[in-house]
PDB file of N, CA and C in Angstrom:
ATOM      1  N   MET A   1     178.728  90.371 -31.675  1.00  0.00           N
ATOM      2  CA  MET A   1     179.648  91.008 -32.808  1.00  0.00           C
ATOM      3  C   MET A   1     180.026  92.367 -32.558  1.00  0.00           C
ATOM      4  N   SER A   2     180.974  93.050 -32.833  1.00  0.00           N
ATOM      5  CA  SER A   2     181.565  94.438 -32.902  1.00  0.00           C
ATOM      6  C   SER A   2     180.874  94.896 -34.533  1.00  0.00           C
ATOM      7  N   SER A   3     180.520  96.212 -34.032  1.00  0.00           N
ATOM      8  CA  SER A   3     180.500  97.241 -35.404  1.00  0.00           C
ATOM      9  C   SER A   3     181.040  98.580 -35.024  1.00  0.00           C
ATOM     10  N   MET A   4     181.307  99.355 -36.428  1.00  0.00           N
ATOM     11  CA  MET A   4     181.775 100.441 -36.308  1.00  0.00           C
ATOM     12  C   MET A   4     180.511 101.608 -36.062  1.00  0.00           C
ATOM     13  N   ILE A   5     180.942 102.439 -35.127  1.00  0.00           N
ATOM     14  CA  ILE A   5     179.948 103.424 -34.737  1.00  0.00           C
ATOM     15  C   ILE A   5     180.635 105.044 -34.800  1.00  0.00           C
ATOM     16  N   VAL A   6     179.881 106.176 -34.750  1.00  0.00           N
ATOM     17  CA  VAL A   6     180.680 107.039 -34.980  1.00  0.00           C
ATOM     18  C   VAL A   6     179.772 108.324 -34.059  1.00  0.00           C
ATOM     19  N   ILE A   7     180.550 108.885 -33.060  1.00  0.00           N
ATOM     20  CA  ILE A   7     179.609 109.450 -31.860  1.00  0.00           C
ATOM     21  C   ILE A   7     180.535 111.283 -32.207  1.00  0.00           C
ATOM     22  N   SER A   8     179.583 112.248 -32.513  1.00  0.00           N
ATOM     23  CA  SER A   8     179.760 113.621 -32.512  1.00  0.00           C
ATOM     24  C   SER A   8     179.269 114.476 -30.944  1.00  0.00           C
ATOM     25  N   ALA A   9     180.131 114.729 -30.228  1.00  0.00           N
ATOM     26  CA  ALA A   9     180.127 115.254 -29.005  1.00  0.00           C
ATOM     27  C   ALA A   9     180.836 116.767 -29.457  1.00  0.00           C
ATOM     28  N   THR A  10     179.893 117.616 -29.165  1.00  0.00           N
ATOM     29  CA  THR A  10     180.083 118.739 -28.896  1.00  0.00           C
ATOM     30  C   THR A  10     179.819 119.667 -27.532  1.00  0.00           C
ATOM     31  N   ALA A  11     180.497 120.497 -26.958  1.00  0.00           N
ATOM     32  CA  ALA A  11     180.737 121.186 -25.907  1.00  0.00           C
ATOM     33  C   ALA A  11     180.600 120.065 -24.533  1.00  0.00           C
ATOM     34  N   VAL A  12     181.078 119.298 -24.329  1.00  0.00           N
ATOM     35  CA  VAL A  12     180.623 117.968 -23.734  1.00  0.00           C
ATOM     36  C   VAL A  12     181.981 117.890 -22.334  1.00  0.00           C
ATOM     37  N   PRO A  13     181.802 117.749 -21.054  1.00  0.00           N
ATOM     38  CA  PRO A  13     183.254 117.902 -20.371  1.00  0.00           C
ATOM     39  C   PRO A  13     184.204 117.057 -20.930  1.00  0.00           C
ATOM     40  N   ASP A  14     185.476 117.460 -20.194  1.00  0.00           N
ATOM     41  CA  ASP A  14     186.584 116.877 -20.577  1.00  0.00           C
ATOM     42  C   ASP A  14     186.686 115.480 -20.358  1.00  0.00           C
ATOM     43  N   HIS A  15     186.185 114.841 -18.962  1.00  0.00           N
ATOM     44  CA  HIS A  15     186.269 113.771 -18.541  1.00  0.00           C
ATOM     45  C   HIS A  15     185.198 112.988 -19.229  1.00  0.00           C
ATOM     46  N   LEU A  16     184.217 113.210 -20.114  1.00  0.00           N
ATOM     47  CA  LEU A  16     183.363 112.268 -21.236  1.00  0.00           C
ATOM     48  C   LEU A  16     184.421 112.099 -22.222  1.00  0.00           C
ATOM     49  N   ARG A  17     184.957 113.387 -22.866  1.00  0.00           N
ATOM     50  CA  ARG A  17     185.901 112.963 -23.901  1.00  0.00           C
ATOM     51  C   ARG A  17     186.976 111.845 -23.525  1.00  0.00           C
ATOM     52  N   GLY A  18     187.136 112.275 -22.546  1.00  0.00           N
ATOM     53  CA  GLY A  18     188.567 111.069 -21.831  1.00  0.00           C
ATOM     54  C   GLY A  18     188.047 109.949 -22.178  1.00  0.00           C
ATOM     55  N   ALA A  19     186.630 109.806 -21.721  1.00  0.00           N
ATOM     56  CA  ALA A  19     185.991 108.392 -21.755  1.00  0.00           C
ATOM     57  C   ALA A  19     185.732 107.733 -23.056  1.00  0.00           C
ATOM     58  N   LEU A  20     185.572 108.682 -23.843  1.00  0.00           N
ATOM     59  CA  LEU A  20     185.371 108.195 -25.215  1.00  0.00           C
ATOM     60  C   LEU A  20     186.575 107.899 -25.940  1.00  0.00           C
ATOM     61  N   THR A  21     187.768 108.414 -25.401  1.00  0.00           N
ATOM     62  CA  THR A  21     188.855 107.954 -26.217  1.00  0.00           C
ATOM     63  C   THR A  21     189.619 106.797 -25.925  1.00  0.00           C
ATOM     64  N   ARG A  22     189.078 106.270 -24.720  1.00  0.00           N
ATOM     65  CA  ARG A  22     189.624 104.996 -24.288  1.00  0.00           C
ATOM     66  C   ARG A  22     189.082 103.751 -25.290  1.00  0.00           C
ATOM     67  N   TRP A  23     187.775 104.254 -25.902  1.00  0.00           N
ATOM     68  CA  TRP A  23     187.233 103.018 -26.845  1.00  0.00           C
ATOM     69  C   TRP A  23     187.382 103.668 -28.404  1.00  0.00           C
ATOM     70  N   LEU A  24     187.143 104.481 -28.494  1.00  0.00           N
ATOM     71  CA  LEU A  24     187.293 105.524 -29.880  1.00  0.00           C
ATOM     72  C   LEU A  24     188.316 106.547 -30.294  1.00  0.00           C
ATOM     73  N   LEU A  25     188.649 106.063 -31.703  1.00  0.00           N
ATOM     74  CA  LEU A  25     189.574 107.093 -31.798  1.00  0.00           C
ATOM     75  C   LEU A  25     189.069 108.605 -32.186  1.00  0.00           C
ATOM     76  N   GLU A  26     189.668 109.582 -31.702  1.00  0.00           N
ATOM     77  CA  GLU A  26     189.052 110.963 -31.730  1.00  0.00           C
ATOM     78  C   GLU A  26     189.940 111.813 -33.600  1.00  0.00           C
ATOM     79  N   VAL A  27     189.034 111.606 -34.523  1.00  0.00           N
ATOM     80  CA  VAL A  27     189.912 111.279 -35.855  1.00  0.00           C
ATOM     81  C   VAL A  27     189.644 113.344 -36.211  1.00  0.00           C
ATOM     82  N   THR A  28     188.796 113.898 -35.548  1.00  0.00           N
ATOM     83  CA  THR A  28     189.190 115.276 -35.677  1.00  0.00           C
ATOM     84  C   THR A  28     188.634 115.883 -34.415  1.00  0.00           C
ATOM     85  N   PRO A  29     188.435 117.144 -34.087  1.00  0.00           N
ATOM     86  CA  PRO A  29     188.094 117.467 -32.456  1.00  0.00           C
ATOM     87  C   PRO A  29     186.681 116.912 -32.469  1.00  0.00           C
ATOM     88  N   GLU A  30     186.343 116.707 -31.495  1.00  0.00           N
ATOM     89  CA  GLU A  30     184.706 116.295 -31.420  1.00  0.00           C
ATOM     90  C   GLU A  30     183.976 115.316 -31.921  1.00  0.00           C
ATOM     91  N   LEU A  31     184.727 114.491 -32.788  1.00  0.00           N
ATOM     92  CA  LEU A  31     184.081 113.224 -33.670  1.00  0.00           C
ATOM     93  C   LEU A  31     185.265 111.942 -33.420  1.00  0.00           C
ATOM     94  N   TYR A  32     184.274 111.034 -32.973  1.00  0.00           N
ATOM     95  CA  TYR A  32     185.056 109.665 -32.231  1.00  0.00           C
ATOM     96  C   TYR A  32     184.304 108.476 -33.200  1.00  0.00           C
ATOM     97  N   VAL A  33     185.312 107.877 -33.543  1.00  0.00           N
ATOM     98  CA  VAL A  33     185.091 106.873 -34.493  1.00  0.00           C
ATOM     99  C   VAL A  33     185.547 105.127 -34.128  1.00  0.00           C
ATOM    100  N   GLY A  34     184.864 104.251 -33.961  1.00  0.00           N
ATOM    101  CA  GLY A  34     185.661 102.983 -33.481  1.00  0.00           C
ATOM    102  C   GLY A  34     184.763 101.892 -33.896  1.00  0.00           C
ATOM    103  N   THR A  35     185.208 100.583 -33.582  1.00  0.00           N
ATOM    104  CA  THR A  35     184.471  99.641 -33.717  1.00  0.00           C
ATOM    105  C   THR A  35     184.280  98.875 -32.328  1.00  0.00           C
ATOM    106  N   VAL A  36     183.124  98.686 -31.587  1.00  0.00           N
ATOM    107  CA  VAL A  36     182.985  98.236 -30.413  1.00  0.00           C
ATOM    108  C   VAL A  36     181.651  97.210 -30.571  1.00  0.00           C
ATOM    109  N   SER A  37     181.733  96.592 -29.450  1.00  0.00           N
ATOM    110  CA  SER A  37     180.409  95.554 -29.234  1.00  0.00           C
ATOM    111  C   SER A  37     178.925  96.648 -28.823  1.00  0.00           C
ATOM    112  N   ALA A  38     177.761  95.899 -29.124  1.00  0.00           N
ATOM    113  CA  ALA A  38     176.742  96.548 -28.745  1.00  0.00           C
ATOM    114  C   ALA A  38     176.735  97.021 -27.409  1.00  0.00           C
ATOM    115  N   LYS A  39     176.971  96.217 -26.302  1.00  0.00           N
ATOM    116  CA  LYS A  39     177.122  96.528 -24.942  1.00  0.00           C
ATOM    117  C   LYS A  39     177.803  97.658 -25.043  1.00  0.00           C
ATOM    118  N   VAL A  40     179.107  97.707 -25.570  1.00  0.00           N
ATOM    119  CA  VAL A  40     180.176  98.682 -25.153  1.00  0.00           C
ATOM    120  C   VAL A  40     179.299 100.096 -25.687  1.00  0.00           C
ATOM    121  N   ARG A  41     178.857 100.046 -26.844  1.00  0.00           N
ATOM    122  CA  ARG A  41     178.416 101.095 -27.462  1.00  0.00           C
ATOM    123  C   ARG A  41     177.089 101.970 -26.761  1.00  0.00           C
ATOM    124  N   ASP A  42     176.465 100.630 -26.001  1.00  0.00           N
ATOM    125  CA  ASP A  42     175.095 101.352 -25.452  1.00  0.00           C
ATOM    126  C   ASP A  42     175.611 101.910 -24.164  1.00  0.00           C
ATOM    127  N   GLU A  43     176.560 101.633 -23.407  1.00  0.00           N
ATOM    128  CA  GLU A  43     177.234 102.038 -22.184  1.00  0.00           C
ATOM    129  C   GLU A  43     177.853 103.264 -22.531  1.00  0.00           C
ATOM    130  N   LEU A  44     178.556 103.414 -23.493  1.00  0.00           N
ATOM    131  CA  LEU A  44     179.373 105.149 -23.960  1.00  0.00           C
ATOM    132  C   LEU A  44     178.176 105.625 -23.996  1.00  0.00           C
ATOM    133  N   TRP A  45     176.743 105.359 -24.805  1.00  0.00           N
ATOM    134  CA  TRP A  45     175.713 106.368 -25.230  1.00  0.00           C
ATOM    135  C   TRP A  45     175.263 106.612 -23.758  1.00  0.00           C
ATOM    136  N   SER A  46     174.940 105.837 -22.831  1.00  0.00           N
ATOM    137  CA  SER A  46     174.496 106.069 -21.162  1.00  0.00           C
ATOM    138  C   SER A  46     175.383 107.263 -20.970  1.00  0.00           C
ATOM    139  N   ALA A  47     176.929 107.194 -21.221  1.00  0.00           N
ATOM    140  CA  ALA A  47     177.729 107.665 -20.435  1.00  0.00           C
ATOM    141  C   ALA A  47     177.770 109.387 -20.974  1.00  0.00           C
ATOM    142  N   VAL A  48     177.405 109.263 -22.198  1.00  0.00           N
ATOM    143  CA  VAL A  48     177.090 110.715 -22.961  1.00  0.00           C
ATOM    144  C   VAL A  48     176.079 111.385 -22.677  1.00  0.00           C
ATOM    145  N   THR A  49     174.803 110.630 -22.413  1.00  0.00           N
ATOM    146  CA  THR A  49     173.598 111.194 -22.055  1.00  0.00           C
ATOM    147  C   THR A  49     173.389 111.689 -20.979  1.00  0.00           C
ATOM    148  N   ALA A  50     174.164 110.836 -19.992  1.00  0.00           N
ATOM    149  CA  ALA A  50     174.020 111.137 -18.402  1.00  0.00           C
ATOM    150  C   ALA A  50     175.019 112.669 -18.522  1.00  0.00           C
ATOM    151  N   CYS A  51     176.175 112.890 -18.979  1.00  0.00           N
ATOM    152  CA  CYS A  51     177.275 113.733 -18.693  1.00  0.00           C
ATOM    153  C   CYS A  51     177.316 114.719 -19.804  1.00  0.00           C
ATOM    154  N   ALA A  52     176.321 114.897 -21.023  1.00  0.00           N
ATOM    155  CA  ALA A  52     176.821 115.890 -21.671  1.00  0.00           C
ATOM    156  C   ALA A  52     175.896 117.317 -21.353  1.00  0.00           C
ATOM    157  N   ASN A  53     175.399 117.381 -20.299  1.00  0.00           N
ATOM    158  CA  ASN A  53     175.064 119.034 -19.598  1.00  0.00           C
ATOM    159  C   ASN A  53     174.310 119.878 -20.635  1.00  0.00           C
ATOM    160  N   ASP A  54     175.113 120.605 -21.049  1.00  0.00           N
ATOM    161  CA  ASP A  54     174.589 121.574 -22.106  1.00  0.00           C
ATOM    162  C   ASP A  54     174.903 121.493 -23.763  1.00  0.00           C
ATOM    163  N   GLY A  55     175.740 120.557 -23.570  1.00  0.00           N
ATOM    164  CA  GLY A  55     176.722 120.091 -24.763  1.00  0.00           C
ATOM    165  C   GLY A  55     175.656 119.284 -25.642  1.00  0.00           C
ATOM    166  N   ILE A  56     176.199 118.958 -27.317  1.00  0.00           N
ATOM    167  CA  ILE A  56     175.136 117.907 -27.584  1.00  0.00           C
ATOM    168  C   ILE A  56     175.913 116.857 -28.176  1.00  0.00           C
ATOM    169  N   ALA A  57     175.349 115.726 -28.873  1.00  0.00           N
ATOM    170  CA  ALA A  57     175.692 114.676 -29.226  1.00  0.00           C
ATOM    171  C   ALA A  57     174.687 113.806 -30.171  1.00  0.00           C
ATOM    172  N   VAL A  58     175.393 113.324 -31.120  1.00  0.00           N
ATOM    173  CA  VAL A  58     174.955 112.086 -32.361  1.00  0.00           C
ATOM    174  C   VAL A  58     175.812 110.955 -32.016  1.00  0.00           C
ATOM    175  N   LEU A  59     174.950 110.019 -31.957  1.00  0.00           N
ATOM    176  CA  LEU A  59     175.510 108.919 -31.980  1.00  0.00           C
ATOM    177  C   LEU A  59     174.916 107.869 -33.497  1.00  0.00           C
ATOM    178  N   ALA A  60     175.886 107.644 -34.932  1.00  0.00           N
ATOM    179  CA  ALA A  60     175.590 106.697 -35.631  1.00  0.00           C
ATOM    180  C   ALA A  60     175.851 105.649 -35.470  1.00  0.00           C
ATOM    181  N   HIS A  61     174.929 104.284 -36.028  1.00  0.00           N
ATOM    182  CA  HIS A  61     175.584 103.153 -35.668  1.00  0.00           C
ATOM    183  C   HIS A  61     174.608 102.022 -36.613  1.00  0.00           C
ATOM    184  N   PRO A  62     175.627 100.797 -36.897  1.00  0.00           N
ATOM    185  CA  PRO A  62     174.705 100.324 -37.622  1.00  0.00           C
ATOM    186  C   PRO A  62     173.339  99.837 -37.283  1.00  0.00           C
ATOM    187  N   ALA A  63     172.044  99.559 -38.325  1.00  0.00           N
ATOM    188  CA  ALA A  63     171.013  98.923 -37.801  1.00  0.00           C
ATOM    189  C   ALA A  63     170.552  98.258 -38.613  1.00  0.00           C
ATOM    190  N   ASP A  64     169.412  97.210 -38.543  1.00  0.00           N
ATOM    191  CA  ASP A  64     168.816  96.471 -39.632  1.00  0.00           C
ATOM    192  C   ASP A  64     167.425  96.948 -40.134  1.00  0.00           C
ATOM    193  N   ASN A  65     167.633  98.207 -40.832  1.00  0.00           N
ATOM    194  CA  ASN A  65     166.654  99.026 -41.522  1.00  0.00           C
ATOM    195  C   ASN A  65     167.047  99.050 -42.598  1.00  0.00           C
ATOM    196  N   GLU A  66     165.861 100.269 -43.835  1.00  0.00           N
ATOM    197  CA  GLU A  66     166.428 100.588 -45.284  1.00  0.00           C
ATOM    198  C   GLU A  66     167.517 101.272 -44.903  1.00  0.00           C
ATOM    199  N   GLN A  67     168.020 102.142 -44.148  1.00  0.00           N
ATOM    200  CA  GLN A  67     169.147 103.074 -44.262  1.00  0.00           C
ATOM    201  C   GLN A  67     170.574 102.295 -43.962  1.00  0.00           C
ATOM    202  N   GLY A  68     170.425 101.136 -42.893  1.00  0.00           N
ATOM    203  CA  GLY A  68     171.133 100.494 -42.737  1.00  0.00           C
ATOM    204  C   GLY A  68     171.968 101.225 -41.269  1.00  0.00           C
ATOM    205  N   PHE A  69     171.552 102.069 -40.611  1.00  0.00           N
ATOM    206  CA  PHE A  69     172.147 102.954 -39.654  1.00  0.00           C
ATOM    207  C   PHE A  69     170.778 103.330 -38.871  1.00  0.00           C
ATOM    208  N   GLN A  70     170.959 103.526 -37.878  1.00  0.00           N
ATOM    209  CA  GLN A  70     170.135 104.646 -36.855  1.00  0.00           C
ATOM    210  C   GLN A  70     171.028 105.512 -36.083  1.00  0.00           C
ATOM    211  N   LEU A  71     169.874 106.709 -35.801  1.00  0.00           N
ATOM    212  CA  LEU A  71     170.678 107.858 -34.945  1.00  0.00           C
ATOM    213  C   LEU A  71     170.115 107.849 -33.456  1.00  0.00           C
ATOM    214  N   ARG A  72     171.023 108.177 -32.925  1.00  0.00           N
ATOM    215  CA  ARG A  72     170.528 108.669 -31.334  1.00  0.00           C
ATOM    216  C   ARG A  72     171.106 110.129 -30.844  1.00  0.00           C
ATOM    217  N   THR A  73     170.528 111.048 -30.405  1.00  0.00           N
ATOM    218  CA  THR A  73     170.637 112.452 -30.347  1.00  0.00           C
ATOM    219  C   THR A  73     170.446 112.729 -28.364  1.00  0.00           C
ATOM    220  N   ALA A  74     171.327 113.663 -28.170  1.00  0.00           N
ATOM    221  CA  ALA A  74     171.299 113.993 -26.961  1.00  0.00           C
ATOM    222  C   ALA A  74     171.213 115.716 -27.007  1.00  0.00           C
ATOM    223  N   GLY A  75     170.767 116.288 -26.281  1.00  0.00           N
ATOM    224  CA  GLY A  75     170.754 117.710 -25.875  1.00  0.00           C
ATOM    225  C   GLY A  75     169.810 118.081 -27.108  1.00  0.00           C
ATOM    226  N   THR A  76     170.050 119.846 -26.913  1.00  0.00           N
ATOM    227  CA  THR A  76     169.320 120.634 -27.364  1.00  0.00           C
ATOM    228  C   THR A  76     170.009 121.066 -29.136  1.00  0.00           C
ATOM    229  N   ARG A  77     169.544 120.860 -30.245  1.00  0.00           N
ATOM    230  CA  ARG A  77     170.149 120.955 -31.643  1.00  0.00           C
ATOM    231  C   ARG A  77     169.006 121.515 -32.749  1.00  0.00           C
ATOM    232  N   ARG A  78     169.307 122.270 -33.518  1.00  0.00           N
ATOM    233  CA  ARG A  78     168.373 123.068 -34.570  1.00  0.00           C
ATOM    234  C   ARG A  78     168.251 121.930 -35.390  1.00  0.00           C
ATOM    235  N   ARG A  79     168.951 120.849 -35.676  1.00  0.00           N
ATOM    236  CA  ARG A  79     169.055 119.472 -36.598  1.00  0.00           C
ATOM    237  C   ARG A  79     167.954 118.427 -35.499  1.00  0.00           C
ATOM    238  N   GLU A  80     167.187 118.201 -36.117  1.00  0.00           N
ATOM    239  CA  GLU A  80     166.334 116.583 -35.290  1.00  0.00           C
ATOM    240  C   GLU A  80     166.196 115.672 -36.093  1.00  0.00           C
ATOM    241  N   PRO A  81     166.234 114.548 -35.873  1.00  0.00           N
ATOM    242  CA  PRO A  81     166.110 113.434 -36.744  1.00  0.00           C
ATOM    243  C   PRO A  81     164.700 113.066 -36.593  1.00  0.00           C
ATOM    244  N   MET A  82     163.799 113.161 -37.872  1.00  0.00           N
ATOM    245  CA  MET A  82     162.576 112.490 -37.567  1.00  0.00           C
ATOM    246  C   MET A  82     162.405 111.548 -38.459  1.00  0.00           C
ATOM    247  N   ASP A  83     161.383 110.606 -37.817  1.00  0.00           N
ATOM    248  CA  ASP A  83     160.985 109.466 -38.786  1.00  0.00           C
ATOM    249  C   ASP A  83     159.777 109.795 -39.898  1.00  0.00           C
ATOM    250  N   PHE A  84     160.076 109.381 -40.948  1.00  0.00           N
ATOM    251  CA  PHE A  84     159.428 109.437 -42.322  1.00  0.00           C
ATOM    252  C   PHE A  84     158.629 107.964 -43.211  1.00  0.00           C
ATOM    253  N   ASP A  85     158.013 107.240 -42.765  1.00  0.00           N
ATOM    254  CA  ASP A  85     157.278 106.114 -43.107  1.00  0.00           C
ATOM    255  C   ASP A  85     159.033 105.258 -42.700  1.00  0.00           C
ATOM    256  N   GLY A  86     159.635 105.321 -41.952  1.00  0.00           N
ATOM    257  CA  GLY A  86     160.644 104.176 -41.768  1.00  0.00           C
ATOM    258  C   GLY A  86     161.756 104.761 -42.193  1.00  0.00           C
ATOM    259  N   LEU A  87     161.736 105.980 -42.622  1.00  0.00           N
ATOM    260  CA  LEU A  87     163.206 106.409 -43.196  1.00  0.00           C
ATOM    261  C   LEU A  87     163.450 107.873 -42.227  1.00  0.00           C
ATOM    262  N   THR A  88     164.874 108.085 -42.080  1.00  0.00           N
ATOM    263  CA  THR A  88     165.134 108.983 -40.996  1.00  0.00           C
ATOM    264  C   THR A  88     165.616 110.140 -42.108  1.00  0.00           C
ATOM    265  N   LEU A  89     165.117 111.232 -41.633  1.00  0.00           N
ATOM    266  CA  LEU A  89     165.006 112.769 -42.087  1.00  0.00           C
ATOM    267  C   LEU A  89     165.659 113.381 -41.354  1.00  0.00           C
ATOM    268  N   ILE A  90     166.040 114.606 -41.484  1.00  0.00           N
ATOM    269  CA  ILE A  90     166.687 115.630 -40.451  1.00  0.00           C
ATOM    270  C   ILE A  90     165.622 116.772 -40.706  1.00  0.00           C
ATOM    271  N   ALA A  91     165.100 117.162 -39.637  1.00  0.00           N
ATOM    272  CA  ALA A  91     164.335 118.198 -39.873  1.00  0.00           C
ATOM    273  C   ALA A  91     165.326 119.501 -39.088  1.00  0.00           C
ATOM    274  N   PHE A  92     165.364 120.285 -39.851  1.00  0.00           N
ATOM    275  CA  PHE A  92     165.965 121.712 -39.355  1.00  0.00           C
ATOM    276  C   PHE A  92     165.188 123.190 -38.839  1.00  0.00           C
ATOM    277  N   GLN A  93     165.003 123.546 -37.814  1.00  0.00           N
ATOM    278  CA  GLN A  93     164.320 124.234 -37.107  1.00  0.00           C
ATOM    279  C   GLN A  93     164.805 125.617 -37.058  1.00  0.00           C
ATOM    280  N   ARG A  94     164.312 126.720 -37.572  1.00  0.00           N
ATOM    281  CA  ARG A  94     164.564 128.072 -37.824  1.00  0.00           C
ATOM    282  C   ARG A  94     165.013 128.439 -36.542  1.00  0.00           C
ATOM    283  N   GLU A  95     165.266 129.695 -36.120  1.00  0.00           N
ATOM    284  CA  GLU A  95     165.495 130.590 -34.976  1.00  0.00           C
ATOM    285  C   GLU A  95     164.480 130.744 -34.484  1.00  0.00           C
ATOM    286  N   SER A  96     163.733 131.676 -35.756  1.00  0.00           N
ATOM    287  CA  SER A  96     162.289 132.422 -35.174  1.00  0.00           C
ATOM    288  C   SER A  96     161.709 131.186 -34.506  1.00  0.00           C
ATOM    289  N   GLN A  97     161.141 130.009 -34.738  1.00  0.00           N
ATOM    290  CA  GLN A  97     160.531 128.922 -33.915  1.00  0.00           C
ATOM    291  C   GLN A  97     161.266 128.531 -32.980  1.00  0.00           C
ATOM    292  N   GLU A  98     162.187 128.588 -32.836  1.00  0.00           N
ATOM    293  CA  GLU A  98     163.073 128.641 -31.578  1.00  0.00           C
ATOM    294  C   GLU A  98     162.616 129.460 -30.325  1.00  0.00           C
ATOM    295  N   MET A  99     162.902 130.462 -31.094  1.00  0.00           N
ATOM    296  CA  MET A  99     162.283 132.054 -29.724  1.00  0.00           C
ATOM    297  C   MET A  99     160.636 131.652 -29.745  1.00  0.00           C
ATOM    298  N   ALA A 100     160.109 131.785 -30.453  1.00  0.00           N
ATOM    299  CA  ALA A 100     158.606 131.048 -30.586  1.00  0.00           C
ATOM    300  C   ALA A 100     158.157 130.297 -29.256  1.00  0.00           C
ATOM    301  N   ASN A 101     158.940 129.228 -29.327  1.00  0.00           N
ATOM    302  CA  ASN A 101     158.779 128.362 -28.279  1.00  0.00           C
ATOM    303  C   ASN A 101     159.345 128.531 -26.999  1.00  0.00           C
ATOM    304  N   LEU A 102     160.104 129.596 -27.195  1.00  0.00           N
ATOM    305  CA  LEU A 102     160.622 129.879 -25.812  1.00  0.00           C
ATOM    306  C   LEU A 102     159.600 131.183 -25.027  1.00  0.00           C
ATOM    307  N   LEU A 103     158.882 131.601 -25.922  1.00  0.00           N
ATOM    308  CA  LEU A 103     157.946 132.627 -24.999  1.00  0.00           C
ATOM    309  C   LEU A 103     156.666 131.750 -24.646  1.00  0.00           C
TER     310      LEU A 103
END
């Protein structure tokens, strides 16, 4: 069964962008939308995580949970999905915390 997915991929290699546009529409720069099977979705996400390098990516797809969707992420981001009693919330890390983590 096919379902709609959304992928945001920032600062990823051009060949990965090309691979995504074979299956999805790039509706705005770095934002891809389409309807694919779960197998194609998982293969696309495997390609994204393998090639993201220093880039960042987020995949949103339907899921059988309270919110009706699930998020997958790749790369280092200031916004991190967190599970809170079964709900996905977004934690925002301040730069000072990032600097403290580096030291």
